[in-house]
Amino acid sequence: MAIEVRIPTILRSYTDGQKAVSGSGETLAELFQDLDARHPGLKERLVEGDQLRRFVNVYLNDEDVRFLDGITTKLSDGDSVTILPAVAGGSGGMR
């Protein structure tokens, strides 16, 4: 089973600069385990315990997995997973 995983710039140091990598797994948790075996340290940046880290957004075929089954979301061959760090900030000086 091949699943394309799009990697944000901030995590590409774990994937040797690759924008996208392939992985496999029946669930998102298994996919992250597989990716960590190939790219050590990546899973730690995405998962805390058995949940996604608070400031990490993961999309399965453009749908937020938090509205699916989270880290236990089932995957299928050919799926596309996108990892995006949450972005916050801005200026408090809005007028």
Protein backbone atom coordinates (compact mmCIF):
# COMPACT_ATOMS: atom_id res chain seq x y z
CA MET A 1 0.00 0.00 0.00
CA ALA A 2 1.51 3.30 -1.07
CA ILE A 3 0.45 6.56 0.53
CA GLU A 4 1.93 9.90 -0.46
CA VAL A 5 2.76 12.15 2.49
CA ARG A 6 3.40 15.84 1.86
CA ILE A 7 5.96 17.25 4.28
CA PRO A 8 6.01 20.91 5.38
CA THR A 9 9.25 22.86 5.06
CA ILE A 10 9.84 22.88 8.81
CA LEU A 11 9.97 19.03 8.92
CA ARG A 12 11.96 18.41 5.75
CA SER A 13 15.21 18.10 7.71
CA TYR A 14 13.84 14.68 8.74
CA THR A 15 13.19 13.65 5.12
CA ASP A 16 16.49 14.79 3.61
CA GLY A 17 14.75 17.81 2.12
CA GLN A 18 12.05 15.85 0.32
CA LYS A 19 8.72 17.63 -0.14
CA ALA A 20 6.83 14.34 -0.31
CA VAL A 21 7.61 10.81 0.83
CA SER A 22 5.85 7.47 0.52
CA GLY A 23 4.69 5.39 3.42
CA SER A 24 2.34 2.57 4.28
CA GLY A 25 -0.08 1.57 6.99
CA GLU A 26 -3.68 0.60 7.61
CA THR A 27 -4.21 3.65 9.84
CA LEU A 28 -2.63 7.05 10.30
CA ALA A 29 -0.86 5.76 13.43
CA GLU A 30 0.68 2.89 11.44
CA LEU A 31 1.69 5.31 8.68
CA PHE A 32 3.49 7.53 11.20
CA GLN A 33 5.26 4.46 12.63
CA ASP A 34 6.37 3.45 9.13
CA LEU A 35 7.57 6.98 8.35
CA ASP A 36 9.51 7.11 11.61
CA ALA A 37 11.32 3.89 10.70
CA ARG A 38 12.46 5.53 7.44
CA HIS A 39 12.84 9.07 8.79
CA PRO A 40 13.76 8.86 12.51
CA GLY A 41 12.39 11.64 14.69
CA LEU A 42 9.48 12.54 12.43
CA LYS A 43 6.78 10.77 14.46
CA GLU A 44 7.87 12.55 17.65
CA ARG A 45 7.13 15.88 15.96
CA LEU A 46 3.63 14.77 14.95
CA VAL A 47 2.31 12.64 17.80
CA GLU A 48 2.22 12.96 21.56
CA GLY A 49 1.10 9.78 23.29
CA ASP A 50 -1.73 8.45 21.15
CA GLN A 51 -2.92 11.83 19.83
CA LEU A 52 -1.81 14.32 17.22
CA ARG A 53 0.18 17.17 18.67
CA ARG A 54 -1.96 20.22 19.31
CA PHE A 55 -0.29 22.42 16.70
CA VAL A 56 -0.09 19.86 13.90
CA ASN A 57 -2.85 19.61 11.31
CA VAL A 58 -3.12 16.46 9.21
CA TYR A 59 -5.33 16.11 6.17
CA LEU A 60 -6.35 12.88 4.45
CA ASN A 61 -7.31 13.63 0.85
CA ASP A 62 -7.96 17.27 1.88
CA GLU A 63 -10.15 16.35 4.90
CA ASP A 64 -8.99 17.22 8.43
CA VAL A 65 -8.43 13.92 10.29
CA ARG A 66 -9.59 15.52 13.55
CA PHE A 67 -13.10 15.37 12.03
CA LEU A 68 -12.58 11.75 11.00
CA ASP A 69 -11.08 9.27 13.48
CA GLY A 70 -7.93 11.18 14.35
CA ILE A 71 -4.82 9.05 14.49
CA THR A 72 -6.89 5.87 14.05
CA THR A 73 -8.28 7.06 10.71
CA LYS A 74 -8.21 4.22 8.18
CA LEU A 75 -6.07 4.63 5.05
CA SER A 76 -6.33 3.17 1.56
CA ASP A 77 -3.82 2.59 -1.20
CA GLY A 78 -3.29 5.80 -3.15
CA ASP A 79 -4.40 8.13 -0.36
CA SER A 80 -2.67 11.47 0.08
CA VAL A 81 -1.76 12.77 3.53
CA THR A 82 -0.74 16.38 4.06
CA ILE A 83 0.98 17.53 7.26
CA LEU A 84 0.68 21.23 8.09
CA PRO A 85 1.92 23.00 11.18
CA ALA A 86 -0.71 25.31 12.66
CA VAL A 87 0.13 28.94 12.04
CA ALA A 88 -0.60 31.61 14.59
CA GLY A 89 0.47 35.12 15.16
CA GLY A 90 -0.10 38.50 13.71
CA SER A 91 -0.11 41.91 15.14
CA GLY A 92 -2.17 43.00 18.12
CA GLY A 93 -2.35 46.44 16.54
CA MET A 94 -5.40 45.86 14.30
CA ARG A 95 -7.46 49.05 13.87
